[in-house]
Amino acid sequence: MSEAKKNQKIEKACAAALEKFQKIGLDKYADIQSKLEYVLGSYQYDGNPIGLYEIGEKALKDLKKYQKEKPRLVSKKLITDLESALKEK
């Protein structure tokens, strides 16, 4: 897979994770939301995906934890897309 496709995949997965955290709307996820917003903006500015991978890992952990609490609110597709994008690193 080309570098551009890998970067696009992680960007899309992180954007989907951000959207899910915004829908969840809990204060305990405010930090990860702001970090995702920052790295997505940073990536769009400089094209360097390292922050997306770093924060994507943290987002994945938080989403998995939340999925255990409320399995119907976090789709398996979101988790697998994020895991798949992180493996491409």
Protein backbone atom coordinates (compact mmCIF):
# COMPACT_ATOMS: atom_id res chain seq x y z
CA MET A 1 0.00 0.00 0.00
CA SER A 2 1.35 3.43 -0.87
CA GLU A 3 2.34 5.91 1.80
CA ALA A 4 -0.43 8.30 0.77
CA LYS A 5 -3.07 5.55 1.10
CA LYS A 6 -1.75 4.58 4.56
CA ASN A 7 -1.86 8.20 5.67
CA GLN A 8 -5.36 8.63 4.29
CA LYS A 9 -6.50 5.49 6.10
CA ILE A 10 -5.21 6.61 9.52
CA GLU A 11 -6.58 10.13 8.97
CA LYS A 12 -10.03 8.72 8.17
CA ALA A 13 -9.95 6.34 11.16
CA CYS A 14 -8.91 9.12 13.57
CA ALA A 15 -11.63 11.41 12.19
CA ALA A 16 -14.21 8.66 12.76
CA ALA A 17 -12.92 8.14 16.31
CA LEU A 18 -13.18 11.87 16.98
CA GLU A 19 -16.74 11.89 15.68
CA LYS A 20 -17.63 8.98 17.99
CA PHE A 21 -16.11 10.70 21.05
CA GLN A 22 -18.10 13.83 20.20
CA LYS A 23 -21.31 11.79 20.00
CA ILE A 24 -20.52 10.09 23.32
CA GLY A 25 -20.10 13.56 24.82
CA LEU A 26 -18.61 12.56 28.18
CA ASP A 27 -16.21 14.95 29.91
CA LYS A 28 -13.71 12.16 30.58
CA TYR A 29 -13.08 12.00 26.81
CA ALA A 30 -12.54 15.75 26.37
CA ASP A 31 -8.76 15.33 26.46
CA ILE A 32 -8.63 12.68 23.74
CA GLN A 33 -11.06 14.73 21.64
CA SER A 34 -8.86 17.80 21.79
CA LYS A 35 -5.76 15.74 20.99
CA LEU A 36 -7.47 14.15 17.99
CA GLU A 37 -8.59 17.55 16.74
CA TYR A 38 -5.05 18.86 17.13
CA VAL A 39 -3.30 15.98 15.32
CA LEU A 40 -5.87 15.99 12.50
CA GLY A 41 -5.28 19.71 11.99
CA SER A 42 -1.54 19.27 12.28
CA TYR A 43 -1.56 16.48 9.70
CA GLN A 44 -3.55 18.61 7.27
CA TYR A 45 -1.00 21.38 7.74
CA ASP A 46 2.28 19.47 7.53
CA GLY A 47 1.39 16.03 6.13
CA ASN A 48 3.25 14.22 8.92
CA PRO A 49 1.06 11.36 10.24
CA ILE A 50 3.12 10.46 13.34
CA GLY A 51 0.70 12.24 15.70
CA LEU A 52 -2.25 10.42 14.15
CA TYR A 53 -0.66 7.08 14.98
CA GLU A 54 0.26 8.15 18.51
CA ILE A 55 -3.13 9.53 19.46
CA GLY A 56 -4.90 6.87 17.42
CA GLU A 57 -3.44 4.24 19.79
CA LYS A 58 -4.82 6.11 22.80
CA ALA A 59 -8.19 6.59 21.12
CA LEU A 60 -8.37 2.88 20.35
CA LYS A 61 -7.78 1.98 24.01
CA ASP A 62 -10.46 4.42 25.17
CA LEU A 63 -12.95 3.22 22.56
CA LYS A 64 -12.39 -0.43 23.49
CA LYS A 65 -12.88 0.40 27.16
CA TYR A 66 -16.10 2.29 26.40
CA GLN A 67 -17.26 -0.53 24.11
CA LYS A 68 -17.04 -2.95 27.04
CA GLU A 69 -19.29 -0.65 29.09
CA LYS A 70 -21.77 0.07 26.28
CA PRO A 71 -21.26 -2.34 23.39
CA ARG A 72 -24.05 -0.96 21.23
CA LEU A 73 -22.60 2.55 21.12
CA VAL A 74 -19.23 1.70 19.56
CA SER A 75 -19.34 -0.26 16.32
CA LYS A 76 -17.00 -3.14 15.61
CA LYS A 77 -16.24 -1.51 12.26
CA LEU A 78 -14.88 1.61 13.96
CA ILE A 79 -12.59 -0.51 16.14
CA THR A 80 -11.40 -2.72 13.27
CA ASP A 81 -10.84 0.26 10.95
CA LEU A 82 -8.73 1.98 13.59
CA GLU A 83 -6.79 -1.21 14.37
CA SER A 84 -6.19 -1.84 10.67
CA ALA A 85 -4.95 1.71 10.08
CA LEU A 86 -2.62 1.50 13.07
CA LYS A 87 -1.10 -1.76 11.81
CA GLU A 88 -0.11 -0.04 8.55
CA LYS A 89 2.34 2.15 10.44
